[in-house]
Structure formats: C-alpha cells, structure tokens
Amino acid sequence: MATFPTRDPRPESGHQVLEATDARQGRWGRHALWILIASTTLAVIALFAAWAFYSDAFTTVNEAGAPTAAEAAATTGPVTDVRR
C-alpha cells in the first residue's frame, strides 16, 4: 500500500517535528556576525577611499562655483559667500 505525505506527519521516536515557519527560519551564529562585520567594514573603507580619491575634484568644484567679490557686489540676488 502506498503512503501519501501529509501536512502534519506523525512524530517518529527520537525526531522533533517542526512547523513549516520554524523549519524555514535560519539561525544566527558567529559566522553570520563575522560576515556582517566584515562587509560593513569593507563598505566603510570603500566609501572613505572614494571620498579620498575624489576630494581634489570636490575642492575644485566648490572653489570655481563661488563668486568673486566684484561678482557678488554686482548682483541683486540673495547674499552668497564671497571668494577672496
């Protein structure tokens, strides 16, 4: 006679029966913690490296965008920082 699988199998001796939700959930362990720490550290290092690599370009753009004293005096718009 063939047996058909059911949603609620009968517990066998020595086996723990888990519900589907409990069986699908992972467990936290030291390996997961170390992976999270390492990936976060690498992301911070990558962002700092990108900022350090492009910092000269940021400075050039900021200096070029500020008006001179004569340009600031000639405008009737809002007050802005003046480059000397």
PDB file of N, CA and C in Angstrom:
ATOM      1  N   MET A   1       0.834  -1.163   0.000  1.00  0.00           N
ATOM      2  CA  MET A   1       0.000   0.000   0.000  1.00  0.00           C
ATOM      3  C   MET A   1       0.891   1.242   0.000  1.00  0.00           C
ATOM      4  N   ALA A   2       0.547   2.232  -0.815  1.00  0.00           N
ATOM      5  CA  ALA A   2       1.324   3.459  -0.925  1.00  0.00           C
ATOM      6  C   ALA A   2       0.971   4.418   0.209  1.00  0.00           C
ATOM      7  N   THR A   3       1.956   5.146   0.658  1.00  0.00           N
ATOM      8  CA  THR A   3       1.708   6.157   1.693  1.00  0.00           C
ATOM      9  C   THR A   3       1.768   7.526   1.044  1.00  0.00           C
ATOM     10  N   PHE A   4       0.925   8.417   1.493  1.00  0.00           N
ATOM     11  CA  PHE A   4       0.884   9.765   0.958  1.00  0.00           C
ATOM     12  C   PHE A   4       1.395  10.748   2.006  1.00  0.00           C
ATOM     13  N   PRO A   5       2.215  11.708   1.576  1.00  0.00           N
ATOM     14  CA  PRO A   5       2.703  12.685   2.548  1.00  0.00           C
ATOM     15  C   PRO A   5       1.560  13.590   3.015  1.00  0.00           C
ATOM     16  N   THR A   6       1.573  13.916   4.263  1.00  0.00           N
ATOM     17  CA  THR A   6       0.561  14.804   4.822  1.00  0.00           C
ATOM     18  C   THR A   6       1.224  16.065   5.345  1.00  0.00           C
ATOM     19  N   ARG A   7       0.422  17.056   5.645  1.00  0.00           N
ATOM     20  CA  ARG A   7       0.960  18.303   6.170  1.00  0.00           C
ATOM     21  C   ARG A   7       1.420  18.156   7.616  1.00  0.00           C
ATOM     22  N   ASP A   8       0.813  17.274   8.340  1.00  0.00           N
ATOM     23  CA  ASP A   8       1.159  17.085   9.735  1.00  0.00           C
ATOM     24  C   ASP A   8       1.604  15.638   9.947  1.00  0.00           C
ATOM     25  N   PRO A   9       2.885  15.352   9.664  1.00  0.00           N
ATOM     26  CA  PRO A   9       3.330  13.962   9.797  1.00  0.00           C
ATOM     27  C   PRO A   9       3.336  13.529  11.261  1.00  0.00           C
ATOM     28  N   ARG A  10       3.160  12.303  11.446  1.00  0.00           N
ATOM     29  CA  ARG A  10       3.187  11.764  12.800  1.00  0.00           C
ATOM     30  C   ARG A  10       4.626  11.762  13.307  1.00  0.00           C
ATOM     31  N   PRO A  11       4.809  12.194  14.527  1.00  0.00           N
ATOM     32  CA  PRO A  11       6.183  12.215  15.046  1.00  0.00           C
ATOM     33  C   PRO A  11       6.723  10.803  15.222  1.00  0.00           C
ATOM     34  N   GLU A  12       7.950  10.620  14.783  1.00  0.00           N
ATOM     35  CA  GLU A  12       8.608   9.338  14.971  1.00  0.00           C
ATOM     36  C   GLU A  12       9.433   9.411  16.247  1.00  0.00           C
ATOM     37  N   SER A  13       9.775   8.321  16.773  1.00  0.00           N
ATOM     38  CA  SER A  13      10.532   8.332  18.024  1.00  0.00           C
ATOM     39  C   SER A  13      11.918   8.938  17.792  1.00  0.00           C
ATOM     40  N   GLY A  14      12.291   9.854  18.664  1.00  0.00           N
ATOM     41  CA  GLY A  14      13.610  10.471  18.577  1.00  0.00           C
ATOM     42  C   GLY A  14      13.709  11.636  17.607  1.00  0.00           C
ATOM     43  N   HIS A  15      12.638  12.006  16.940  1.00  0.00           N
ATOM     44  CA  HIS A  15      12.676  13.123  15.993  1.00  0.00           C
ATOM     45  C   HIS A  15      11.793  14.255  16.493  1.00  0.00           C
ATOM     46  N   GLN A  16      12.260  15.463  16.262  1.00  0.00           N
ATOM     47  CA  GLN A  16      11.472  16.631  16.638  1.00  0.00           C
ATOM     48  C   GLN A  16      10.701  17.114  15.414  1.00  0.00           C
ATOM     49  N   VAL A  17       9.427  17.353  15.561  1.00  0.00           N
ATOM     50  CA  VAL A  17       8.595  17.823  14.465  1.00  0.00           C
ATOM     51  C   VAL A  17       8.483  19.335  14.577  1.00  0.00           C
ATOM     52  N   LEU A  18       8.824  20.037  13.493  1.00  0.00           N
ATOM     53  CA  LEU A  18       8.753  21.496  13.448  1.00  0.00           C
ATOM     54  C   LEU A  18       7.661  21.929  12.502  1.00  0.00           C
ATOM     55  N   GLU A  19       7.089  23.079  12.787  1.00  0.00           N
ATOM     56  CA  GLU A  19       6.139  23.663  11.845  1.00  0.00           C
ATOM     57  C   GLU A  19       6.919  24.233  10.674  1.00  0.00           C
ATOM     58  N   ALA A  20       6.237  24.493   9.570  1.00  0.00           N
ATOM     59  CA  ALA A  20       6.902  24.951   8.348  1.00  0.00           C
ATOM     60  C   ALA A  20       7.635  26.269   8.563  1.00  0.00           C
ATOM     61  N   THR A  21       7.015  27.201   9.277  1.00  0.00           N
ATOM     62  CA  THR A  21       7.648  28.502   9.504  1.00  0.00           C
ATOM     63  C   THR A  21       8.923  28.353  10.308  1.00  0.00           C
ATOM     64  N   ASP A  22       8.879  27.542  11.344  1.00  0.00           N
ATOM     65  CA  ASP A  22      10.076  27.330  12.160  1.00  0.00           C
ATOM     66  C   ASP A  22      11.177  26.627  11.375  1.00  0.00           C
ATOM     67  N   ALA A  23      10.806  25.717  10.515  1.00  0.00           N
ATOM     68  CA  ALA A  23      11.800  24.970   9.747  1.00  0.00           C
ATOM     69  C   ALA A  23      12.478  25.853   8.702  1.00  0.00           C
ATOM     70  N   ARG A  24      11.812  26.886   8.211  1.00  0.00           N
ATOM     71  CA  ARG A  24      12.373  27.740   7.165  1.00  0.00           C
ATOM     72  C   ARG A  24      13.263  28.848   7.717  1.00  0.00           C
ATOM     73  N   GLN A  25      13.214  29.097   8.987  1.00  0.00           N
ATOM     74  CA  GLN A  25      13.968  30.213   9.555  1.00  0.00           C
ATOM     75  C   GLN A  25      15.396  29.794   9.834  1.00  0.00           C
ATOM     76  N   GLY A  26      16.315  30.707   9.539  1.00  0.00           N
ATOM     77  CA  GLY A  26      17.724  30.436   9.791  1.00  0.00           C
ATOM     78  C   GLY A  26      18.092  30.774  11.223  1.00  0.00           C
ATOM     79  N   ARG A  27      19.264  30.372  11.593  1.00  0.00           N
ATOM     80  CA  ARG A  27      19.748  30.655  12.935  1.00  0.00           C
ATOM     81  C   ARG A  27      20.906  31.621  12.847  1.00  0.00           C
ATOM     82  N   TRP A  28      21.003  32.478  13.843  1.00  0.00           N
ATOM     83  CA  TRP A  28      22.141  33.372  13.943  1.00  0.00           C
ATOM     84  C   TRP A  28      23.294  32.591  14.543  1.00  0.00           C
ATOM     85  N   GLY A  29      24.455  32.860  14.058  1.00  0.00           N
ATOM     86  CA  GLY A  29      25.644  32.218  14.592  1.00  0.00           C
ATOM     87  C   GLY A  29      26.816  33.172  14.483  1.00  0.00           C
ATOM     88  N   ARG A  30      27.940  32.712  14.931  1.00  0.00           N
ATOM     89  CA  ARG A  30      29.134  33.567  14.867  1.00  0.00           C
ATOM     90  C   ARG A  30      29.530  33.852  13.421  1.00  0.00           C
ATOM     91  N   HIS A  31      29.338  32.892  12.532  1.00  0.00           N
ATOM     92  CA  HIS A  31      29.712  33.113  11.134  1.00  0.00           C
ATOM     93  C   HIS A  31      28.897  34.246  10.522  1.00  0.00           C
ATOM     94  N   ALA A  32      27.621  34.321  10.818  1.00  0.00           N
ATOM     95  CA  ALA A  32      26.786  35.398  10.276  1.00  0.00           C
ATOM     96  C   ALA A  32      27.222  36.747  10.849  1.00  0.00           C
ATOM     97  N   LEU A  33      27.551  36.783  12.116  1.00  0.00           N
ATOM     98  CA  LEU A  33      28.014  38.024  12.738  1.00  0.00           C
ATOM     99  C   LEU A  33      29.310  38.495  12.100  1.00  0.00           C
ATOM    100  N   TRP A  34      30.248  37.592  11.887  1.00  0.00           N
ATOM    101  CA  TRP A  34      31.527  37.993  11.289  1.00  0.00           C
ATOM    102  C   TRP A  34      31.347  38.441   9.838  1.00  0.00           C
ATOM    103  N   ILE A  35      30.451  37.830   9.110  1.00  0.00           N
ATOM    104  CA  ILE A  35      30.189  38.268   7.732  1.00  0.00           C
ATOM    105  C   ILE A  35      29.604  39.673   7.727  1.00  0.00           C
ATOM    106  N   LEU A  36      28.666  39.948   8.630  1.00  0.00           N
ATOM    107  CA  LEU A  36      28.090  41.296   8.706  1.00  0.00           C
ATOM    108  C   LEU A  36      29.132  42.329   9.100  1.00  0.00           C
ATOM    109  N   ILE A  37      29.982  42.000  10.058  1.00  0.00           N
ATOM    110  CA  ILE A  37      31.030  42.940  10.488  1.00  0.00           C
ATOM    111  C   ILE A  37      32.012  43.194   9.350  1.00  0.00           C
ATOM    112  N   ALA A  38      32.445  42.138   8.672  1.00  0.00           N
ATOM    113  CA  ALA A  38      33.414  42.289   7.587  1.00  0.00           C
ATOM    114  C   ALA A  38      32.828  43.086   6.426  1.00  0.00           C
ATOM    115  N   SER A  39      31.594  42.813   6.051  1.00  0.00           N
ATOM    116  CA  SER A  39      31.006  43.535   4.916  1.00  0.00           C
ATOM    117  C   SER A  39      30.773  45.005   5.247  1.00  0.00           C
ATOM    118  N   THR A  40      30.370  45.294   6.468  1.00  0.00           N
ATOM    119  CA  THR A  40      30.185  46.693   6.864  1.00  0.00           C
ATOM    120  C   THR A  40      31.516  47.430   6.880  1.00  0.00           C
ATOM    121  N   THR A  41      32.550  46.783   7.396  1.00  0.00           N
ATOM    122  CA  THR A  41      33.879  47.395   7.423  1.00  0.00           C
ATOM    123  C   THR A  41      34.386  47.654   6.014  1.00  0.00           C
ATOM    124  N   LEU A  42      34.207  46.696   5.112  1.00  0.00           N
ATOM    125  CA  LEU A  42      34.651  46.897   3.726  1.00  0.00           C
ATOM    126  C   LEU A  42      33.865  48.013   3.046  1.00  0.00           C
ATOM    127  N   ALA A  43      32.591  48.147   3.342  1.00  0.00           N
ATOM    128  CA  ALA A  43      31.794  49.231   2.761  1.00  0.00           C
ATOM    129  C   ALA A  43      32.292  50.587   3.258  1.00  0.00           C
ATOM    130  N   VAL A  44      32.615  50.692   4.536  1.00  0.00           N
ATOM    131  CA  VAL A  44      33.128  51.952   5.090  1.00  0.00           C
ATOM    132  C   VAL A  44      34.476  52.285   4.465  1.00  0.00           C
ATOM    133  N   ILE A  45      35.337  51.294   4.318  1.00  0.00           N
ATOM    134  CA  ILE A  45      36.644  51.526   3.691  1.00  0.00           C
ATOM    135  C   ILE A  45      36.475  51.967   2.241  1.00  0.00           C
ATOM    136  N   ALA A  46      35.571  51.355   1.502  1.00  0.00           N
ATOM    137  CA  ALA A  46      35.339  51.730   0.106  1.00  0.00           C
ATOM    138  C   ALA A  46      34.809  53.157  -0.006  1.00  0.00           C
ATOM    139  N   LEU A  47      33.885  53.541   0.871  1.00  0.00           N
ATOM    140  CA  LEU A  47      33.370  54.913   0.827  1.00  0.00           C
ATOM    141  C   LEU A  47      34.450  55.922   1.172  1.00  0.00           C
ATOM    142  N   PHE A  48      35.275  55.624   2.182  1.00  0.00           N
ATOM    143  CA  PHE A  48      36.360  56.536   2.542  1.00  0.00           C
ATOM    144  C   PHE A  48      37.374  56.644   1.412  1.00  0.00           C
ATOM    145  N   ALA A  49      37.693  55.519   0.765  1.00  0.00           N
ATOM    146  CA  ALA A  49      38.645  55.548  -0.346  1.00  0.00           C
ATOM    147  C   ALA A  49      38.103  56.371  -1.516  1.00  0.00           C
ATOM    148  N   ALA A  50      36.821  56.234  -1.825  1.00  0.00           N
ATOM    149  CA  ALA A  50      36.230  57.024  -2.909  1.00  0.00           C
ATOM    150  C   ALA A  50      36.234  58.504  -2.561  1.00  0.00           C
ATOM    151  N   TRP A  51      35.924  58.821  -1.312  1.00  0.00           N
ATOM    152  CA  TRP A  51      35.947  60.222  -0.900  1.00  0.00           C
ATOM    153  C   TRP A  51      37.366  60.783  -0.989  1.00  0.00           C
ATOM    154  N   ALA A  52      38.367  60.018  -0.535  1.00  0.00           N
ATOM    155  CA  ALA A  52      39.760  60.486  -0.576  1.00  0.00           C
ATOM    156  C   ALA A  52      40.243  60.630  -2.018  1.00  0.00           C
ATOM    157  N   PHE A  53      39.835  59.716  -2.897  1.00  0.00           N
ATOM    158  CA  PHE A  53      40.269  59.764  -4.287  1.00  0.00           C
ATOM    159  C   PHE A  53      39.697  60.985  -5.010  1.00  0.00           C
ATOM    160  N   TYR A  54      38.444  61.341  -4.728  1.00  0.00           N
ATOM    161  CA  TYR A  54      37.790  62.446  -5.424  1.00  0.00           C
ATOM    162  C   TYR A  54      37.783  63.748  -4.631  1.00  0.00           C
ATOM    163  N   SER A  55      38.494  63.837  -3.509  1.00  0.00           N
ATOM    164  CA  SER A  55      38.432  65.043  -2.684  1.00  0.00           C
ATOM    165  C   SER A  55      38.982  66.268  -3.412  1.00  0.00           C
ATOM    166  N   ASP A  56      40.009  66.111  -4.247  1.00  0.00           N
ATOM    167  CA  ASP A  56      40.533  67.250  -5.003  1.00  0.00           C
ATOM    168  C   ASP A  56      39.495  67.779  -5.988  1.00  0.00           C
ATOM    169  N   ALA A  57      38.746  66.904  -6.610  1.00  0.00           N
ATOM    170  CA  ALA A  57      37.714  67.340  -7.552  1.00  0.00           C
ATOM    171  C   ALA A  57      36.608  68.091  -6.816  1.00  0.00           C
ATOM    172  N   PHE A  58      36.267  67.661  -5.607  1.00  0.00           N
ATOM    173  CA  PHE A  58      35.251  68.362  -4.832  1.00  0.00           C
ATOM    174  C   PHE A  58      35.716  69.768  -4.472  1.00  0.00           C
ATOM    175  N   THR A  59      36.981  69.907  -4.090  1.00  0.00           N
ATOM    176  CA  THR A  59      37.515  71.206  -3.725  1.00  0.00           C
ATOM    177  C   THR A  59      37.533  72.146  -4.926  1.00  0.00           C
ATOM    178  N   THR A  60      37.932  71.653  -6.086  1.00  0.00           N
ATOM    179  CA  THR A  60      37.987  72.469  -7.299  1.00  0.00           C
ATOM    180  C   THR A  60      36.595  72.955  -7.684  1.00  0.00           C
ATOM    181  N   VAL A  61      35.616  72.102  -7.616  1.00  0.00           N
ATOM    182  CA  VAL A  61      34.256  72.483  -7.974  1.00  0.00           C
ATOM    183  C   VAL A  61      33.723  73.523  -6.997  1.00  0.00           C
ATOM    184  N   ASN A  62      33.979  73.374  -5.722  1.00  0.00           N
ATOM    185  CA  ASN A  62      33.491  74.337  -4.744  1.00  0.00           C
ATOM    186  C   ASN A  62      34.150  75.701  -4.907  1.00  0.00           C
ATOM    187  N   GLU A  63      35.454  75.713  -5.203  1.00  0.00           N
ATOM    188  CA  GLU A  63      36.139  76.996  -5.386  1.00  0.00           C
ATOM    189  C   GLU A  63      35.696  77.684  -6.675  1.00  0.00           C
ATOM    190  N   ALA A  64      35.464  76.927  -7.724  1.00  0.00           N
ATOM    191  CA  ALA A  64      35.060  77.506  -9.002  1.00  0.00           C
ATOM    192  C   ALA A  64      33.624  78.010  -8.955  1.00  0.00           C
ATOM    193  N   GLY A  65      32.798  77.460  -8.081  1.00  0.00           N
ATOM    194  CA  GLY A  65      31.396  77.851  -8.029  1.00  0.00           C
ATOM    195  C   GLY A  65      31.137  79.093  -7.193  1.00  0.00           C
ATOM    196  N   ALA A  66      32.079  79.501  -6.356  1.00  0.00           N
ATOM    197  CA  ALA A  66      31.865  80.674  -5.506  1.00  0.00           C
ATOM    198  C   ALA A  66      32.155  81.955  -6.303  1.00  0.00           C
ATOM    199  N   PRO A  67      31.329  82.973  -6.149  1.00  0.00           N
ATOM    200  CA  PRO A  67      31.565  84.223  -6.895  1.00  0.00           C
ATOM    201  C   PRO A  67      32.703  85.034  -6.287  1.00  0.00           C
ATOM    202  N   THR A  68      33.292  85.892  -7.106  1.00  0.00           N
ATOM    203  CA  THR A  68      34.310  86.819  -6.606  1.00  0.00           C
ATOM    204  C   THR A  68      33.600  87.963  -5.894  1.00  0.00           C
ATOM    205  N   ALA A  69      34.371  88.834  -5.240  1.00  0.00           N
ATOM    206  CA  ALA A  69      33.787  89.971  -4.529  1.00  0.00           C
ATOM    207  C   ALA A  69      33.058  90.901  -5.502  1.00  0.00           C
ATOM    208  N   ALA A  70      33.647  91.138  -6.691  1.00  0.00           N
ATOM    209  CA  ALA A  70      33.023  92.015  -7.675  1.00  0.00           C
ATOM    210  C   ALA A  70      31.725  91.401  -8.209  1.00  0.00           C
ATOM    211  N   GLU A  71      31.715  90.104  -8.445  1.00  0.00           N
ATOM    212  CA  GLU A  71      30.506  89.439  -8.929  1.00  0.00           C
ATOM    213  C   GLU A  71      29.410  89.478  -7.872  1.00  0.00           C
ATOM    214  N   ALA A  72      29.793  89.314  -6.634  1.00  0.00           N
ATOM    215  CA  ALA A  72      28.810  89.341  -5.562  1.00  0.00           C
ATOM    216  C   ALA A  72      28.218  90.733  -5.387  1.00  0.00           C
ATOM    217  N   ALA A  73      29.036  91.755  -5.516  1.00  0.00           N
ATOM    218  CA  ALA A  73      28.551  93.124  -5.361  1.00  0.00           C
ATOM    219  C   ALA A  73      27.660  93.529  -6.541  1.00  0.00           C
ATOM    220  N   ALA A  74      27.907  92.975  -7.725  1.00  0.00           N
ATOM    221  CA  ALA A  74      27.165  93.360  -8.917  1.00  0.00           C
ATOM    222  C   ALA A  74      25.786  92.715  -8.986  1.00  0.00           C
ATOM    223  N   THR A  75      25.552  91.709  -8.241  1.00  0.00           N
ATOM    224  CA  THR A  75      24.265  91.035  -8.319  1.00  0.00           C
ATOM    225  C   THR A  75      23.276  91.644  -7.345  1.00  0.00           C
ATOM    226  N   THR A  76      22.023  91.496  -7.665  1.00  0.00           N
ATOM    227  CA  THR A  76      20.974  91.981  -6.762  1.00  0.00           C
ATOM    228  C   THR A  76      20.233  90.807  -6.129  1.00  0.00           C
ATOM    229  N   GLY A  77      20.770  89.606  -6.331  1.00  0.00           N
ATOM    230  CA  GLY A  77      20.137  88.396  -5.813  1.00  0.00           C
ATOM    231  C   GLY A  77      20.445  88.190  -4.341  1.00  0.00           C
ATOM    232  N   PRO A  78      20.210  87.006  -3.865  1.00  0.00           N
ATOM    233  CA  PRO A  78      20.444  86.700  -2.458  1.00  0.00           C
ATOM    234  C   PRO A  78      21.927  86.763  -2.118  1.00  0.00           C
ATOM    235  N   VAL A  79      22.225  86.982  -0.852  1.00  0.00           N
ATOM    236  CA  VAL A  79      23.611  87.093  -0.385  1.00  0.00           C
ATOM    237  C   VAL A  79      24.221  85.691  -0.416  1.00  0.00           C
ATOM    238  N   THR A  80      25.450  85.604  -0.965  1.00  0.00           N
ATOM    239  CA  THR A  80      26.165  84.349  -1.028  1.00  0.00           C
ATOM    240  C   THR A  80      27.547  84.526  -0.425  1.00  0.00           C
ATOM    241  N   ASP A  81      28.235  83.435  -0.161  1.00  0.00           N
ATOM    242  CA  ASP A  81      29.618  83.517   0.319  1.00  0.00           C
ATOM    243  C   ASP A  81      30.512  84.094  -0.765  1.00  0.00           C
ATOM    244  N   VAL A  82      31.492  84.876  -0.356  1.00  0.00           N
ATOM    245  CA  VAL A  82      32.372  85.562  -1.304  1.00  0.00           C
ATOM    246  C   VAL A  82      33.736  84.889  -1.273  1.00  0.00           C
ATOM    247  N   ARG A  83      34.290  84.617  -2.462  1.00  0.00           N
ATOM    248  CA  ARG A  83      35.627  84.054  -2.595  1.00  0.00           C
ATOM    249  C   ARG A  83      36.604  85.210  -2.685  1.00  0.00           C
ATOM    250  N   ARG A  84      37.687  85.155  -1.940  1.00  0.00           N
ATOM    251  CA  ARG A  84      38.675  86.258  -1.973  1.00  0.00           C
ATOM    252  C   ARG A  84      39.883  85.872  -2.729  1.00  0.00           C
TER     253      ARG A  84
END
